[in-house]
Protein backbone atom coordinates (compact mmCIF):
# COMPACT_ATOMS: atom_id res chain seq x y z
CA MET A 1 -217.75 -123.51 16.31
CA PRO A 2 -214.66 -125.50 16.35
CA ALA A 3 -212.92 -126.21 19.49
CA HIS A 4 -209.37 -125.85 20.56
CA PHE A 5 -206.80 -128.13 21.29
CA ALA A 6 -203.05 -128.61 20.92
CA ALA A 7 -201.09 -131.37 18.15
CA VAL A 8 -198.07 -132.81 20.05
CA LEU A 9 -196.07 -134.72 17.76
CA TYR A 10 -193.07 -136.58 19.68
CA ALA A 11 -190.27 -139.26 18.64
CA PRO A 12 -186.81 -139.85 18.73
CA THR A 13 -186.15 -137.70 15.41
CA LEU A 14 -188.84 -134.95 14.18
CA THR A 15 -188.05 -133.58 10.77
CA ASP A 16 -189.80 -130.58 8.66
CA ASP A 17 -191.37 -133.27 6.82
CA ASP A 18 -193.11 -134.90 9.39
CA ALA A 19 -194.52 -131.60 10.44
CA ALA A 20 -195.69 -131.03 6.86
CA ALA A 21 -197.51 -134.96 7.20
CA ALA A 22 -199.03 -134.39 10.27
CA THR A 23 -200.58 -130.94 8.75
CA ARG A 24 -201.81 -132.49 5.59
CA ALA A 25 -203.32 -134.86 7.80
CA LEU A 26 -205.24 -132.84 10.26
CA GLU A 27 -206.53 -130.28 7.72
CA GLY A 28 -207.70 -133.95 5.96
CA ALA A 29 -209.58 -134.26 8.74
CA GLY A 30 -211.28 -130.79 8.31
CA ALA A 31 -208.61 -128.92 11.00
CA SER A 32 -207.13 -125.47 11.09
CA VAL A 33 -203.57 -125.65 11.74
CA GLY A 34 -200.82 -123.49 13.09
CA PRO A 35 -197.09 -124.06 12.69
CA PHE A 36 -195.72 -126.37 14.17
CA GLU A 37 -192.92 -125.04 16.51
CA ALA A 38 -190.90 -127.25 19.45
CA PRO A 39 -191.94 -126.65 23.05
CA ALA A 40 -190.62 -123.91 25.50
CA GLY A 41 -188.27 -125.79 27.94
CA LEU A 42 -187.59 -128.37 25.69
CA ARG A 43 -183.49 -128.96 26.23
CA THR A 44 -181.57 -128.84 23.15
CA ASP A 45 -179.71 -132.15 24.06
CA SER A 46 -183.23 -133.83 24.34
CA PRO A 47 -183.35 -137.24 23.91
CA TYR A 48 -186.38 -136.99 22.15
CA ALA A 49 -188.09 -134.59 20.06
CA ALA A 50 -191.55 -132.54 20.32
CA LEU A 51 -193.22 -130.40 18.26
CA THR A 52 -196.70 -128.73 18.40
CA ALA A 53 -199.00 -126.83 16.70
CA ASP A 54 -202.44 -125.02 17.24
CA VAL A 55 -205.74 -126.99 15.94
CA LYS A 56 -209.17 -125.88 15.41
CA LEU A 57 -211.07 -128.77 14.86
CA ASP A 58 -214.81 -129.20 15.65
CA ALA A 59 -215.75 -131.85 18.29
CA GLY A 60 -217.33 -134.25 16.15
CA ARG A 61 -214.39 -134.81 13.64
CA LEU A 62 -211.91 -135.22 17.05
CA ALA A 63 -212.09 -138.83 16.20
CA SER A 64 -211.10 -138.93 12.33
CA ALA A 65 -208.46 -136.28 12.92
CA ARG A 66 -206.74 -139.03 15.63
CA SER A 67 -207.54 -141.86 13.16
CA ALA A 68 -205.31 -139.61 10.54
CA LEU A 69 -202.52 -138.79 12.98
CA SER A 70 -201.74 -142.38 13.95
CA ALA A 71 -201.41 -143.58 10.63
CA LEU A 72 -198.57 -140.91 10.59
CA GLY A 73 -194.34 -142.82 11.38
CA VAL A 74 -194.70 -140.85 14.35
CA THR A 75 -196.56 -141.09 17.78
CA ALA A 76 -199.11 -137.65 17.50
CA ALA A 77 -201.73 -136.64 20.02
CA LEU A 78 -204.54 -133.98 20.22
CA VAL A 79 -204.66 -132.50 23.59
CA PRO A 80 -207.50 -130.43 24.40
CA ALA A 81 -206.52 -126.44 25.03
CA GLU A 82 -208.61 -126.68 28.59
CA VAL A 83 -205.99 -128.98 29.94
CA ARG A 84 -202.88 -127.22 28.49
CA GLU A 85 -204.04 -123.62 29.13
CA ALA A 86 -205.19 -124.63 32.87
CA GLU A 87 -203.83 -122.03 34.84
CA ARG A 88 -203.67 -124.90 37.73
CA LYS A 89 -203.31 -128.37 37.24
CA LEU A 90 -203.33 -131.84 39.02
CA LEU A 91 -200.84 -134.56 37.60
CA ILE A 92 -201.53 -138.37 39.24
CA MET A 93 -199.53 -141.43 37.88
CA ASP A 94 -199.25 -144.67 38.56
CA VAL A 95 -195.80 -145.80 40.28
CA ASP A 96 -194.82 -149.17 39.18
CA SER A 97 -193.46 -149.06 35.41
CA THR A 98 -194.28 -145.55 35.24
CA LEU A 99 -192.94 -143.60 38.24
CA ILE A 100 -190.47 -145.90 38.61
CA GLN A 101 -189.16 -148.70 35.89
CA GLN A 102 -189.46 -151.85 38.15
CA GLU A 103 -192.54 -153.67 39.25
CA VAL A 104 -191.78 -153.64 43.10
CA ILE A 105 -193.65 -157.11 44.18
CA GLU A 106 -191.78 -158.61 41.12
CA LEU A 107 -188.24 -157.38 42.81
CA LEU A 108 -189.81 -158.49 46.41
CA ALA A 109 -190.24 -161.91 45.00
CA ASP A 110 -186.99 -162.59 43.80
CA TYR A 111 -186.23 -163.15 47.45
CA ALA A 112 -188.63 -165.51 48.08
CA GLY A 113 -187.38 -167.46 44.62
CA LYS A 114 -191.04 -166.85 43.17
CA ARG A 115 -190.10 -164.02 40.60
CA ALA A 116 -191.71 -165.71 37.58
CA GLU A 117 -194.47 -166.81 39.41
CA VAL A 118 -195.35 -163.48 40.35
CA THR A 119 -194.51 -161.50 36.79
CA ALA A 120 -197.02 -163.93 35.01
CA VAL A 121 -199.75 -162.91 37.48
CA THR A 122 -198.92 -159.31 37.38
CA GLU A 123 -198.80 -159.34 33.67
CA ALA A 124 -202.16 -160.98 33.05
CA ALA A 125 -203.69 -158.40 36.12
CA MET A 126 -202.08 -155.33 33.89
CA ARG A 127 -203.45 -156.74 30.92
CA GLY A 128 -206.65 -156.61 32.92
CA GLU A 129 -207.30 -160.73 32.34
CA LEU A 130 -207.41 -161.02 36.54
CA ASP A 131 -209.49 -158.99 39.17
CA PHE A 132 -206.35 -156.90 40.38
CA ALA A 133 -207.68 -157.13 44.39
CA GLN A 134 -207.25 -161.08 44.09
CA SER A 135 -204.39 -160.93 42.19
CA LEU A 136 -202.37 -159.07 44.45
CA HIS A 137 -203.14 -160.93 47.67
CA ALA A 138 -202.17 -164.22 45.80
CA ARG A 139 -198.93 -162.64 44.44
CA VAL A 140 -198.40 -161.02 47.98
CA ALA A 141 -198.89 -164.36 49.62
CA THR A 142 -195.68 -165.97 48.27
CA LEU A 143 -193.63 -163.35 50.32
CA ALA A 144 -194.87 -164.82 53.63
CA GLY A 145 -192.15 -165.66 55.59
CA LEU A 146 -189.45 -162.71 53.93
CA PRO A 147 -187.68 -160.86 56.43
CA GLU A 148 -188.89 -156.97 57.06
CA SER A 149 -184.92 -156.52 55.87
CA VAL A 150 -185.74 -157.13 51.57
CA ILE A 151 -188.05 -154.43 51.89
CA ALA A 152 -184.66 -151.78 52.49
CA LYS A 153 -183.00 -153.65 49.96
CA VAL A 154 -185.41 -153.35 47.39
CA ARG A 155 -186.08 -149.71 48.31
CA ASP A 156 -182.69 -149.24 47.40
CA ALA A 157 -182.70 -151.03 43.95
CA VAL A 158 -185.57 -148.91 42.44
CA VAL A 159 -184.79 -146.43 39.76
CA LEU A 160 -186.80 -143.77 38.77
CA SER A 161 -188.26 -143.87 34.84
CA LEU A 162 -185.91 -141.25 32.83
CA GLY A 163 -187.66 -137.72 33.16
CA ALA A 164 -189.26 -138.48 36.14
CA GLN A 165 -187.77 -135.78 38.18
CA GLU A 166 -187.81 -133.32 35.24
CA LEU A 167 -191.62 -133.75 35.05
CA ILE A 168 -192.39 -133.67 38.85
CA GLU A 169 -189.65 -130.58 39.10
CA ALA A 170 -191.79 -128.74 36.07
CA PHE A 171 -194.78 -129.37 37.28
CA HIS A 172 -193.96 -128.14 40.56
CA ALA A 173 -192.01 -124.96 39.46
CA ALA A 174 -195.27 -123.73 37.38
CA GLY A 175 -197.40 -124.42 40.77
CA HIS A 176 -199.51 -127.45 39.46
CA VAL A 177 -200.25 -130.75 42.25
CA VAL A 178 -198.41 -134.08 42.02
CA CYS A 179 -199.94 -136.99 43.20
CA VAL A 180 -199.00 -140.97 42.58
CA VAL A 181 -201.16 -143.83 43.74
CA SER A 182 -200.32 -147.52 43.32
CA GLY A 183 -201.28 -151.35 43.68
CA GLY A 184 -197.76 -151.64 45.23
CA PHE A 185 -196.21 -150.57 49.11
CA ASN A 186 -196.16 -147.78 51.35
CA GLN A 187 -193.18 -149.33 52.31
CA ILE A 188 -191.69 -148.29 49.14
CA LEU A 189 -193.21 -145.53 48.03
CA ASP A 190 -192.95 -143.10 51.30
CA PRO A 191 -189.88 -142.74 51.44
CA LEU A 192 -189.74 -142.08 47.77
CA ALA A 193 -192.40 -139.57 47.60
CA GLU A 194 -191.05 -137.89 50.31
CA GLY A 195 -187.49 -137.36 48.34
CA LEU A 196 -189.84 -136.19 45.08
CA GLY A 197 -191.98 -133.50 47.21
CA LEU A 198 -195.13 -135.30 46.41
CA ASP A 199 -198.05 -133.90 47.36
CA HIS A 200 -200.41 -136.66 47.80
CA TRP A 201 -199.40 -140.52 47.34
CA ARG A 202 -201.18 -143.68 48.76
CA ALA A 203 -200.41 -147.37 47.70
CA ASN A 204 -201.16 -150.74 50.11
CA ASP A 205 -199.79 -151.89 53.51
CA LEU A 206 -197.74 -155.09 53.55
CA ASP A 207 -198.22 -156.71 56.57
CA VAL A 208 -195.45 -157.23 58.77
CA VAL A 209 -195.32 -159.19 62.60
CA ASP A 210 -192.01 -159.78 64.46
CA GLY A 211 -190.18 -158.69 62.04
CA GLU A 212 -191.29 -160.86 58.85
CA LEU A 213 -194.30 -160.51 56.17
CA THR A 214 -197.03 -162.06 56.75
CA GLY A 215 -198.09 -162.92 53.38
CA ARG A 216 -200.80 -160.17 53.68
CA VAL A 217 -201.79 -156.47 53.16
CA LEU A 218 -203.72 -154.13 55.44
CA GLY A 219 -206.81 -152.63 54.90
CA GLU A 220 -208.32 -151.58 51.39
CA VAL A 221 -206.40 -152.88 48.57
CA VAL A 222 -205.68 -149.74 46.17
CA ASP A 223 -207.32 -151.11 43.18
CA ARG A 224 -208.70 -149.49 40.04
CA ALA A 225 -211.77 -147.84 41.68
CA VAL A 226 -209.50 -146.46 44.27
CA LYS A 227 -207.08 -144.94 42.44
CA GLU A 228 -210.29 -142.68 40.40
CA ARG A 229 -211.40 -142.34 43.69
CA MET A 230 -208.26 -140.41 45.07
CA LEU A 231 -207.58 -138.39 41.57
CA ARG A 232 -211.08 -136.83 42.44
CA GLU A 233 -210.34 -136.96 46.65
CA TRP A 234 -207.10 -134.88 45.67
CA ALA A 235 -208.79 -132.73 42.57
CA GLY A 236 -211.30 -131.60 45.22
CA GLN A 237 -208.95 -130.81 47.97
CA HIS A 238 -207.30 -128.51 45.31
CA GLY A 239 -209.97 -127.23 44.24
CA ILE A 240 -208.75 -128.52 40.48
CA PRO A 241 -211.91 -129.65 38.26
CA LEU A 242 -211.15 -133.20 36.71
CA GLU A 243 -211.22 -131.49 33.10
CA HIS A 244 -207.61 -130.03 34.65
CA CYS A 245 -206.28 -133.37 35.60
CA ILE A 246 -203.48 -135.14 33.67
CA ALA A 247 -203.28 -138.85 34.67
CA VAL A 248 -200.60 -141.62 33.51
CA GLY A 249 -200.14 -145.31 33.94
CA ASP A 250 -199.88 -148.58 31.74
CA GLY A 251 -202.07 -151.15 33.57
CA ALA A 252 -205.69 -152.05 33.72
CA ASN A 253 -205.56 -150.86 37.04
CA ASP A 254 -204.90 -147.16 36.06
CA LEU A 255 -208.08 -147.06 33.12
CA ASP A 256 -210.69 -145.59 36.08
CA MET A 257 -208.49 -142.68 36.69
CA LEU A 258 -207.26 -142.43 33.25
CA GLY A 259 -210.65 -141.77 32.03
CA ALA A 260 -211.48 -139.31 34.41
CA ALA A 261 -208.94 -137.02 33.98
CA GLY A 262 -209.24 -134.50 31.16
CA LEU A 263 -206.12 -135.98 29.79
CA GLY A 264 -205.54 -139.45 30.40
CA VAL A 265 -201.77 -140.70 28.82
CA ALA A 266 -200.71 -144.42 28.81
CA PHE A 267 -196.94 -144.60 29.17
CA ASN A 268 -195.76 -147.58 27.67
CA ALA A 269 -198.22 -149.38 28.01
CA LYS A 270 -200.62 -152.81 27.57
CA PRO A 271 -202.64 -152.49 24.53
CA LYS A 272 -206.02 -152.07 26.21
CA VAL A 273 -204.91 -149.31 27.99
CA ARG A 274 -203.09 -147.39 25.15
CA ALA A 275 -206.20 -147.74 23.24
CA ALA A 276 -208.46 -146.40 26.01
CA ALA A 277 -206.58 -143.41 27.06
CA ASP A 278 -206.08 -140.02 25.12
CA ALA A 279 -202.84 -139.84 24.39
CA ALA A 280 -200.01 -143.07 24.69
CA VAL A 281 -196.11 -142.04 24.96
CA ASP A 282 -194.18 -145.05 23.65
CA LEU A 283 -191.04 -143.51 24.20
CA PRO A 284 -188.71 -144.60 28.03
CA TYR A 285 -189.00 -140.84 28.74
CA LEU A 286 -191.64 -139.93 31.54
CA ASP A 287 -190.81 -136.17 30.78
CA VAL A 288 -192.56 -136.02 27.16
CA VAL A 289 -195.88 -135.89 29.84
CA ARG A 290 -194.90 -132.03 30.66
CA PHE A 291 -195.18 -131.11 26.73
CA LEU A 292 -198.29 -132.78 26.15
CA ALA A 293 -199.68 -131.42 29.18
CA GLY A 294 -198.42 -127.44 28.05
CA VAL A 295 -196.24 -127.38 31.74
């Protein structure tokens, strides 16, 4: 029996020709395709376009269908209907370079005069070339001696990704759960998460003694295994199956939670993450995720 999916096209602009090309590509892979339509909730002044269509496809042909879509000139995804139609969903996101536009460790490193050094290590870790926990300890060590007051300055410099607040509001308005888990720091994340009304969040704690950063983090480092564990824990608390969860991230530290969720989304991600994810968003607008998830 054919499995049920939704084909989602998303790009700065879309035309009838794009929809027709996607239909032909899917039909060539053996799919039955309904008409492409703009998803409910897409603003008329949206900075990007999106179209969705119902797709019936033998699960064994999924890889060939995704390959056919990848050859199009627009970004496209095939999303299981089970995710989109779930009565209650859980959205879990990475923070740095996903929920927010910056990497907090790099903002902190600016004050220590170590930005270039730390950025190079961060990028290697996000590509999966370094152990995340070891890389975090090395990067945080460069912050030793910084006054605690820099934390507030960095907090004020943080900028949400475009569409982040709209995404969170849409999920909450539909009765879903929104969480974030970060390899960054609670001193930055706590007020941000509270202001956004998130349901759960977790990050690392910077060690501060006598008003100065010690260059250490306290307790267990939030690495890829912890991120997946928190997804499972929070989903279990709310009685939401993993198949109804959506995970979003950009780096190798996110791979396990993207793989465990029913829909793993790579957001402007490193190549290794993009290749492993169920869908990739290469636009700067995080709210594209709501249309992938059917919210």
